[in-house]
PDB file of N, CA and C in Angstrom:
ATOM      1  N   MET A   1       0.849  -1.163   0.000  1.00  0.00           N
ATOM      2  CA  MET A   1       0.000   0.000   0.000  1.00  0.00           C
ATOM      3  C   MET A   1       0.894   1.224   0.000  1.00  0.00           C
ATOM      4  N   LYS A   2       0.557   2.185  -0.794  1.00  0.00           N
ATOM      5  CA  LYS A   2       1.295   3.439  -0.826  1.00  0.00           C
ATOM      6  C   LYS A   2       0.693   4.417   0.157  1.00  0.00           C
ATOM      7  N   THR A   3       1.573   5.200   0.781  1.00  0.00           N
ATOM      8  CA  THR A   3       1.124   6.243   1.687  1.00  0.00           C
ATOM      9  C   THR A   3       2.149   7.366   1.674  1.00  0.00           C
ATOM     10  N   ALA A   4       1.741   8.516   2.081  1.00  0.00           N
ATOM     11  CA  ALA A   4       2.669   9.652   2.187  1.00  0.00           C
ATOM     12  C   ALA A   4       2.774  10.037   3.652  1.00  0.00           C
ATOM     13  N   ILE A   5       3.996  10.288   4.101  1.00  0.00           N
ATOM     14  CA  ILE A   5       4.209  10.717   5.475  1.00  0.00           C
ATOM     15  C   ILE A   5       5.125  11.931   5.473  1.00  0.00           C
ATOM     16  N   SER A   6       5.087  12.678   6.549  1.00  0.00           N
ATOM     17  CA  SER A   6       5.993  13.806   6.726  1.00  0.00           C
ATOM     18  C   SER A   6       6.919  13.490   7.888  1.00  0.00           C
ATOM     19  N   VAL A   7       8.206  13.673   7.663  1.00  0.00           N
ATOM     20  CA  VAL A   7       9.203  13.477   8.719  1.00  0.00           C
ATOM     21  C   VAL A   7      10.139  14.673   8.711  1.00  0.00           C
ATOM     22  N   PRO A   8      10.715  14.985   9.852  1.00  0.00           N
ATOM     23  CA  PRO A   8      11.687  16.076   9.893  1.00  0.00           C
ATOM     24  C   PRO A   8      12.861  15.793   8.952  1.00  0.00           C
ATOM     25  N   GLY A   9      13.406  16.834   8.380  1.00  0.00           N
ATOM     26  CA  GLY A   9      14.496  16.683   7.421  1.00  0.00           C
ATOM     27  C   GLY A   9      15.681  15.906   7.951  1.00  0.00           C
ATOM     28  N   VAL A  10      16.063  16.165   9.188  1.00  0.00           N
ATOM     29  CA  VAL A  10      17.209  15.474   9.785  1.00  0.00           C
ATOM     30  C   VAL A  10      16.933  13.970   9.872  1.00  0.00           C
ATOM     31  N   LEU A  11      15.731  13.597  10.278  1.00  0.00           N
ATOM     32  CA  LEU A  11      15.369  12.180  10.367  1.00  0.00           C
ATOM     33  C   LEU A  11      15.349  11.546   8.982  1.00  0.00           C
ATOM     34  N   PHE A  12      14.830  12.263   8.010  1.00  0.00           N
ATOM     35  CA  PHE A  12      14.805  11.761   6.633  1.00  0.00           C
ATOM     36  C   PHE A  12      16.219  11.459   6.153  1.00  0.00           C
ATOM     37  N   GLU A  13      17.138  12.388   6.395  1.00  0.00           N
ATOM     38  CA  GLU A  13      18.525  12.196   5.956  1.00  0.00           C
ATOM     39  C   GLU A  13      19.161  10.994   6.656  1.00  0.00           C
ATOM     40  N   ARG A  14      18.915  10.863   7.944  1.00  0.00           N
ATOM     41  CA  ARG A  14      19.468   9.721   8.687  1.00  0.00           C
ATOM     42  C   ARG A  14      18.898   8.405   8.157  1.00  0.00           C
ATOM     43  N   ALA A  15      17.590   8.392   7.906  1.00  0.00           N
ATOM     44  CA  ALA A  15      16.947   7.178   7.388  1.00  0.00           C
ATOM     45  C   ALA A  15      17.473   6.853   5.995  1.00  0.00           C
ATOM     46  N   ASP A  16      17.639   7.872   5.175  1.00  0.00           N
ATOM     47  CA  ASP A  16      18.141   7.680   3.813  1.00  0.00           C
ATOM     48  C   ASP A  16      19.555   7.101   3.851  1.00  0.00           C
ATOM     49  N   LYS A  17      20.385   7.639   4.726  1.00  0.00           N
ATOM     50  CA  LYS A  17      21.760   7.151   4.873  1.00  0.00           C
ATOM     51  C   LYS A  17      21.770   5.700   5.345  1.00  0.00           C
ATOM     52  N   LEU A  18      20.916   5.381   6.321  1.00  0.00           N
ATOM     53  CA  LEU A  18      20.845   4.006   6.829  1.00  0.00           C
ATOM     54  C   LEU A  18      20.345   3.051   5.747  1.00  0.00           C
ATOM     55  N   ALA A  19      19.357   3.464   4.989  1.00  0.00           N
ATOM     56  CA  ALA A  19      18.836   2.614   3.917  1.00  0.00           C
ATOM     57  C   ALA A  19      19.939   2.288   2.906  1.00  0.00           C
ATOM     58  N   ARG A  20      20.715   3.296   2.528  1.00  0.00           N
ATOM     59  CA  ARG A  20      21.822   3.051   1.590  1.00  0.00           C
ATOM     60  C   ARG A  20      22.844   2.100   2.201  1.00  0.00           C
ATOM     61  N   LYS A  21      23.180   2.327   3.479  1.00  0.00           N
ATOM     62  CA  LYS A  21      24.159   1.470   4.156  1.00  0.00           C
ATOM     63  C   LYS A  21      23.682   0.021   4.212  1.00  0.00           C
ATOM     64  N   MET A  22      22.376  -0.156   4.449  1.00  0.00           N
ATOM     65  CA  MET A  22      21.815  -1.501   4.556  1.00  0.00           C
ATOM     66  C   MET A  22      21.413  -2.082   3.197  1.00  0.00           C
ATOM     67  N   LYS A  23      21.616  -1.279   2.137  1.00  0.00           N
ATOM     68  CA  LYS A  23      21.258  -1.700   0.775  1.00  0.00           C
ATOM     69  C   LYS A  23      19.779  -2.068   0.677  1.00  0.00           C
ATOM     70  N   LYS A  24      18.953  -1.179   1.268  1.00  0.00           N
ATOM     71  CA  LYS A  24      17.500  -1.333   1.229  1.00  0.00           C
ATOM     72  C   LYS A  24      16.909  -0.067   0.627  1.00  0.00           C
ATOM     73  N   SER A  25      15.723  -0.207   0.101  1.00  0.00           N
ATOM     74  CA  SER A  25      15.015   0.990  -0.331  1.00  0.00           C
ATOM     75  C   SER A  25      14.505   1.721   0.910  1.00  0.00           C
ATOM     76  N   ARG A  26      14.231   3.021   0.777  1.00  0.00           N
ATOM     77  CA  ARG A  26      13.630   3.746   1.902  1.00  0.00           C
ATOM     78  C   ARG A  26      12.306   3.118   2.273  1.00  0.00           C
ATOM     79  N   SER A  27      11.537   2.697   1.281  1.00  0.00           N
ATOM     80  CA  SER A  27      10.239   2.069   1.566  1.00  0.00           C
ATOM     81  C   SER A  27      10.413   0.831   2.430  1.00  0.00           C
ATOM     82  N   GLN A  28      11.407   0.017   2.103  1.00  0.00           N
ATOM     83  CA  GLN A  28      11.640  -1.197   2.889  1.00  0.00           C
ATOM     84  C   GLN A  28      12.102  -0.842   4.293  1.00  0.00           C
ATOM     85  N   LEU A  29      12.972   0.157   4.406  1.00  0.00           N
ATOM     86  CA  LEU A  29      13.439   0.589   5.718  1.00  0.00           C
ATOM     87  C   LEU A  29      12.276   1.078   6.574  1.00  0.00           C
ATOM     88  N   TYR A  30      11.417   1.921   6.001  1.00  0.00           N
ATOM     89  CA  TYR A  30      10.264   2.440   6.747  1.00  0.00           C
ATOM     90  C   TYR A  30       9.312   1.315   7.121  1.00  0.00           C
ATOM     91  N   SER A  31       9.097   0.388   6.212  1.00  0.00           N
ATOM     92  CA  SER A  31       8.211  -0.742   6.492  1.00  0.00           C
ATOM     93  C   SER A  31       8.761  -1.599   7.635  1.00  0.00           C
ATOM     94  N   ASP A  32      10.060  -1.874   7.589  1.00  0.00           N
ATOM     95  CA  ASP A  32      10.688  -2.654   8.653  1.00  0.00           C
ATOM     96  C   ASP A  32      10.596  -1.921   9.991  1.00  0.00           C
ATOM     97  N   ALA A  33      10.827  -0.610   9.960  1.00  0.00           N
ATOM     98  CA  ALA A  33      10.793   0.185  11.194  1.00  0.00           C
ATOM     99  C   ALA A  33       9.393   0.193  11.801  1.00  0.00           C
ATOM    100  N   ILE A  34       8.388   0.376  10.971  1.00  0.00           N
ATOM    101  CA  ILE A  34       7.009   0.390  11.471  1.00  0.00           C
ATOM    102  C   ILE A  34       6.630  -0.981  12.018  1.00  0.00           C
ATOM    103  N   SER A  35       7.039  -2.033  11.332  1.00  0.00           N
ATOM    104  CA  SER A  35       6.742  -3.389  11.798  1.00  0.00           C
ATOM    105  C   SER A  35       7.357  -3.639  13.175  1.00  0.00           C
ATOM    106  N   GLU A  36       8.621  -3.240  13.342  1.00  0.00           N
ATOM    107  CA  GLU A  36       9.282  -3.416  14.637  1.00  0.00           C
ATOM    108  C   GLU A  36       8.605  -2.578  15.718  1.00  0.00           C
ATOM    109  N   TYR A  37       8.257  -1.353  15.398  1.00  0.00           N
ATOM    110  CA  TYR A  37       7.615  -0.464  16.369  1.00  0.00           C
ATOM    111  C   TYR A  37       6.273  -1.038  16.818  1.00  0.00           C
ATOM    112  N   VAL A  38       5.484  -1.500  15.862  1.00  0.00           N
ATOM    113  CA  VAL A  38       4.169  -2.067  16.193  1.00  0.00           C
ATOM    114  C   VAL A  38       4.334  -3.314  17.057  1.00  0.00           C
ATOM    115  N   SER A  39       5.293  -4.159  16.723  1.00  0.00           N
ATOM    116  CA  SER A  39       5.530  -5.376  17.514  1.00  0.00           C
ATOM    117  C   SER A  39       5.942  -5.046  18.936  1.00  0.00           C
ATOM    118  N   ARG A  40       6.788  -4.018  19.098  1.00  0.00           N
ATOM    119  CA  ARG A  40       7.262  -3.640  20.433  1.00  0.00           C
ATOM    120  C   ARG A  40       6.165  -3.038  21.296  1.00  0.00           C
ATOM    121  N   HIS A  41       5.130  -2.519  20.666  1.00  0.00           N
ATOM    122  CA  HIS A  41       4.061  -1.871  21.420  1.00  0.00           C
ATOM    123  C   HIS A  41       2.782  -2.697  21.488  1.00  0.00           C
ATOM    124  N   ASP A  42       2.814  -3.885  20.943  1.00  0.00           N
ATOM    125  CA  ASP A  42       1.677  -4.809  21.016  1.00  0.00           C
ATOM    126  C   ASP A  42       1.899  -5.690  22.238  1.00  0.00           C
ATOM    127  N   SER A  43       1.066  -5.517  23.260  1.00  0.00           N
ATOM    128  CA  SER A  43       1.296  -6.227  24.526  1.00  0.00           C
ATOM    129  C   SER A  43       1.340  -7.743  24.341  1.00  0.00           C
ATOM    130  N   ALA A  44       0.554  -8.275  23.436  1.00  0.00           N
ATOM    131  CA  ALA A  44       0.576  -9.723  23.214  1.00  0.00           C
ATOM    132  C   ALA A  44       1.921 -10.151  22.628  1.00  0.00           C
ATOM    133  N   GLU A  45       2.485  -9.343  21.734  1.00  0.00           N
ATOM    134  CA  GLU A  45       3.790  -9.655  21.150  1.00  0.00           C
ATOM    135  C   GLU A  45       4.893  -9.553  22.203  1.00  0.00           C
ATOM    136  N   VAL A  46       4.806  -8.545  23.057  1.00  0.00           N
ATOM    137  CA  VAL A  46       5.799  -8.380  24.124  1.00  0.00           C
ATOM    138  C   VAL A  46       5.732  -9.572  25.072  1.00  0.00           C
ATOM    139  N   THR A  47       4.528  -9.966  25.458  1.00  0.00           N
ATOM    140  CA  THR A  47       4.356 -11.113  26.349  1.00  0.00           C
ATOM    141  C   THR A  47       4.905 -12.380  25.706  1.00  0.00           C
ATOM    142  N   LYS A  48       4.622 -12.568  24.435  1.00  0.00           N
ATOM    143  CA  LYS A  48       5.111 -13.753  23.720  1.00  0.00           C
ATOM    144  C   LYS A  48       6.643 -13.780  23.711  1.00  0.00           C
ATOM    145  N   ALA A  49       7.264 -12.633  23.428  1.00  0.00           N
ATOM    146  CA  ALA A  49       8.726 -12.562  23.392  1.00  0.00           C
ATOM    147  C   ALA A  49       9.318 -12.838  24.773  1.00  0.00           C
ATOM    148  N   LEU A  50       8.719 -12.278  25.817  1.00  0.00           N
ATOM    149  CA  LEU A  50       9.211 -12.528  27.178  1.00  0.00           C
ATOM    150  C   LEU A  50       9.015 -13.986  27.580  1.00  0.00           C
ATOM    151  N   ASP A  51       7.873 -14.564  27.227  1.00  0.00           N
ATOM    152  CA  ASP A  51       7.633 -15.982  27.522  1.00  0.00           C
ATOM    153  C   ASP A  51       8.695 -16.855  26.868  1.00  0.00           C
ATOM    154  N   GLU A  52       9.040 -16.545  25.614  1.00  0.00           N
ATOM    155  CA  GLU A  52      10.066 -17.319  24.916  1.00  0.00           C
ATOM    156  C   GLU A  52      11.419 -17.166  25.603  1.00  0.00           C
ATOM    157  N   LEU A  53      11.739 -15.952  26.003  1.00  0.00           N
ATOM    158  CA  LEU A  53      13.006 -15.702  26.681  1.00  0.00           C
ATOM    159  C   LEU A  53      13.086 -16.457  27.998  1.00  0.00           C
ATOM    160  N   TYR A  54      12.060 -16.335  28.824  1.00  0.00           N
ATOM    161  CA  TYR A  54      12.078 -16.962  30.137  1.00  0.00           C
ATOM    162  C   TYR A  54      11.981 -18.481  30.070  1.00  0.00           C
ATOM    163  N   SER A  55      11.409 -19.010  28.992  1.00  0.00           N
ATOM    164  CA  SER A  55      11.328 -20.465  28.875  1.00  0.00           C
ATOM    165  C   SER A  55      12.709 -21.080  28.687  1.00  0.00           C
ATOM    166  N   GLU A  56      13.662 -20.278  28.247  1.00  0.00           N
ATOM    167  CA  GLU A  56      15.020 -20.770  28.023  1.00  0.00           C
ATOM    168  C   GLU A  56      15.902 -20.641  29.261  1.00  0.00           C
ATOM    169  N   LEU A  57      15.436 -19.942  30.282  1.00  0.00           N
ATOM    170  CA  LEU A  57      16.246 -19.712  31.473  1.00  0.00           C
ATOM    171  C   LEU A  57      15.945 -20.733  32.565  1.00  0.00           C
ATOM    172  N   ASP A  58      16.953 -21.009  33.353  1.00  0.00           N
ATOM    173  CA  ASP A  58      16.778 -21.873  34.525  1.00  0.00           C
ATOM    174  C   ASP A  58      16.248 -20.981  35.642  1.00  0.00           C
ATOM    175  N   SER A  59      15.014 -21.180  36.029  1.00  0.00           N
ATOM    176  CA  SER A  59      14.382 -20.298  37.016  1.00  0.00           C
ATOM    177  C   SER A  59      14.546 -20.794  38.450  1.00  0.00           C
ATOM    178  N   ARG A  60      15.244 -21.899  38.623  1.00  0.00           N
ATOM    179  CA  ARG A  60      15.471 -22.389  39.985  1.00  0.00           C
ATOM    180  C   ARG A  60      16.426 -21.450  40.706  1.00  0.00           C
ATOM    181  N   PRO A  61      16.155 -21.191  41.998  1.00  0.00           N
ATOM    182  CA  PRO A  61      17.067 -20.310  42.737  1.00  0.00           C
ATOM    183  C   PRO A  61      18.428 -20.971  42.914  1.00  0.00           C
ATOM    184  N   HIS A  62      19.437 -20.156  42.997  1.00  0.00           N
ATOM    185  CA  HIS A  62      20.788 -20.663  43.217  1.00  0.00           C
ATOM    186  C   HIS A  62      20.836 -21.354  44.580  1.00  0.00           C
ATOM    187  N   ARG A  63      21.602 -22.434  44.662  1.00  0.00           N
ATOM    188  CA  ARG A  63      21.642 -23.234  45.893  1.00  0.00           C
ATOM    189  C   ARG A  63      22.032 -22.396  47.107  1.00  0.00           C
ATOM    190  N   SER A  64      23.030 -21.531  46.960  1.00  0.00           N
ATOM    191  CA  SER A  64      23.475 -20.728  48.108  1.00  0.00           C
ATOM    192  C   SER A  64      22.389 -19.743  48.539  1.00  0.00           C
ATOM    193  N   LEU A  65      21.623 -19.233  47.595  1.00  0.00           N
ATOM    194  CA  LEU A  65      20.531 -18.332  47.937  1.00  0.00           C
ATOM    195  C   LEU A  65      19.461 -19.082  48.727  1.00  0.00           C
ATOM    196  N   SER A  66      19.165 -20.292  48.331  1.00  0.00           N
ATOM    197  CA  SER A  66      18.191 -21.108  49.057  1.00  0.00           C
ATOM    198  C   SER A  66      18.667 -21.383  50.480  1.00  0.00           C
ATOM    199  N   GLU A  67      19.955 -21.635  50.625  1.00  0.00           N
ATOM    200  CA  GLU A  67      20.513 -21.913  51.945  1.00  0.00           C
ATOM    201  C   GLU A  67      20.429 -20.680  52.847  1.00  0.00           C
ATOM    202  N   VAL A  68      20.766 -19.532  52.324  1.00  0.00           N
ATOM    203  CA  VAL A  68      20.687 -18.293  53.105  1.00  0.00           C
ATOM    204  C   VAL A  68      19.243 -18.016  53.502  1.00  0.00           C
ATOM    205  N   ALA A  69      18.311 -18.179  52.567  1.00  0.00           N
ATOM    206  CA  ALA A  69      16.898 -17.950  52.864  1.00  0.00           C
ATOM    207  C   ALA A  69      16.419 -18.904  53.957  1.00  0.00           C
ATOM    208  N   ARG A  70      16.867 -20.166  53.918  1.00  0.00           N
ATOM    209  CA  ARG A  70      16.481 -21.142  54.936  1.00  0.00           C
ATOM    210  C   ARG A  70      16.979 -20.703  56.303  1.00  0.00           C
ATOM    211  N   ARG A  71      18.235 -20.253  56.385  1.00  0.00           N
ATOM    212  CA  ARG A  71      18.800 -19.811  57.666  1.00  0.00           C
ATOM    213  C   ARG A  71      18.048 -18.599  58.216  1.00  0.00           C
ATOM    214  N   VAL A  72      17.726 -17.672  57.364  1.00  0.00           N
ATOM    215  CA  VAL A  72      16.999 -16.482  57.802  1.00  0.00           C
ATOM    216  C   VAL A  72      15.633 -16.872  58.337  1.00  0.00           C
ATOM    217  N   LEU A  73      14.948 -17.746  57.622  1.00  0.00           N
ATOM    218  CA  LEU A  73      13.619 -18.178  58.072  1.00  0.00           C
ATOM    219  C   LEU A  73      13.697 -18.929  59.400  1.00  0.00           C
ATOM    220  N   GLU A  74      14.739 -19.762  59.574  1.00  0.00           N
ATOM    221  CA  GLU A  74      14.879 -20.515  60.811  1.00  0.00           C
ATOM    222  C   GLU A  74      15.195 -19.608  62.000  1.00  0.00           C
ATOM    223  N   SER A  75      15.886 -18.504  61.732  1.00  0.00           N
ATOM    224  CA  SER A  75      16.268 -17.615  62.839  1.00  0.00           C
ATOM    225  C   SER A  75      15.256 -16.516  63.104  1.00  0.00           C
ATOM    226  N   THR A  76      14.211 -16.486  62.336  1.00  0.00           N
ATOM    227  CA  THR A  76      13.178 -15.462  62.503  1.00  0.00           C
ATOM    228  C   THR A  76      12.038 -16.006  63.336  1.00  0.00           C
ATOM    229  N   GLU A  77      11.635 -15.200  64.325  1.00  0.00           N
ATOM    230  CA  GLU A  77      10.513 -15.612  65.157  1.00  0.00           C
ATOM    231  C   GLU A  77       9.202 -15.272  64.428  1.00  0.00           C
ATOM    232  N   TRP A  78       8.344 -16.228  64.340  1.00  0.00           N
ATOM    233  CA  TRP A  78       7.066 -16.035  63.648  1.00  0.00           C
ATOM    234  C   TRP A  78       6.057 -15.763  64.655  1.00  0.00           C
TER     235      TRP A  78
END
C-alpha cells in the first residue's frame, strides 16, 4: 500500500543514509521500522517474546541463595 508521510528533514537524511548502508530501499526501511515499532508496542507480542526468553532460562534459585533464605527463616521468630 502506498502512503505519504511527513518526517523532519534530519530524520529523513538519517533514514536515507541508513537505507543506503543496509542496501534497502527507503520504503523497505520504513516498512521494517514500522513493523518493529508495532511489535514492540503490542502487549501480546511483548508477552510472547518474554515468555520465549524466560522459557530458556533456569528459574530455579541458586543453591546458596536457598541456603541463606532457609537460615533467615529458621532464625526469625514467627
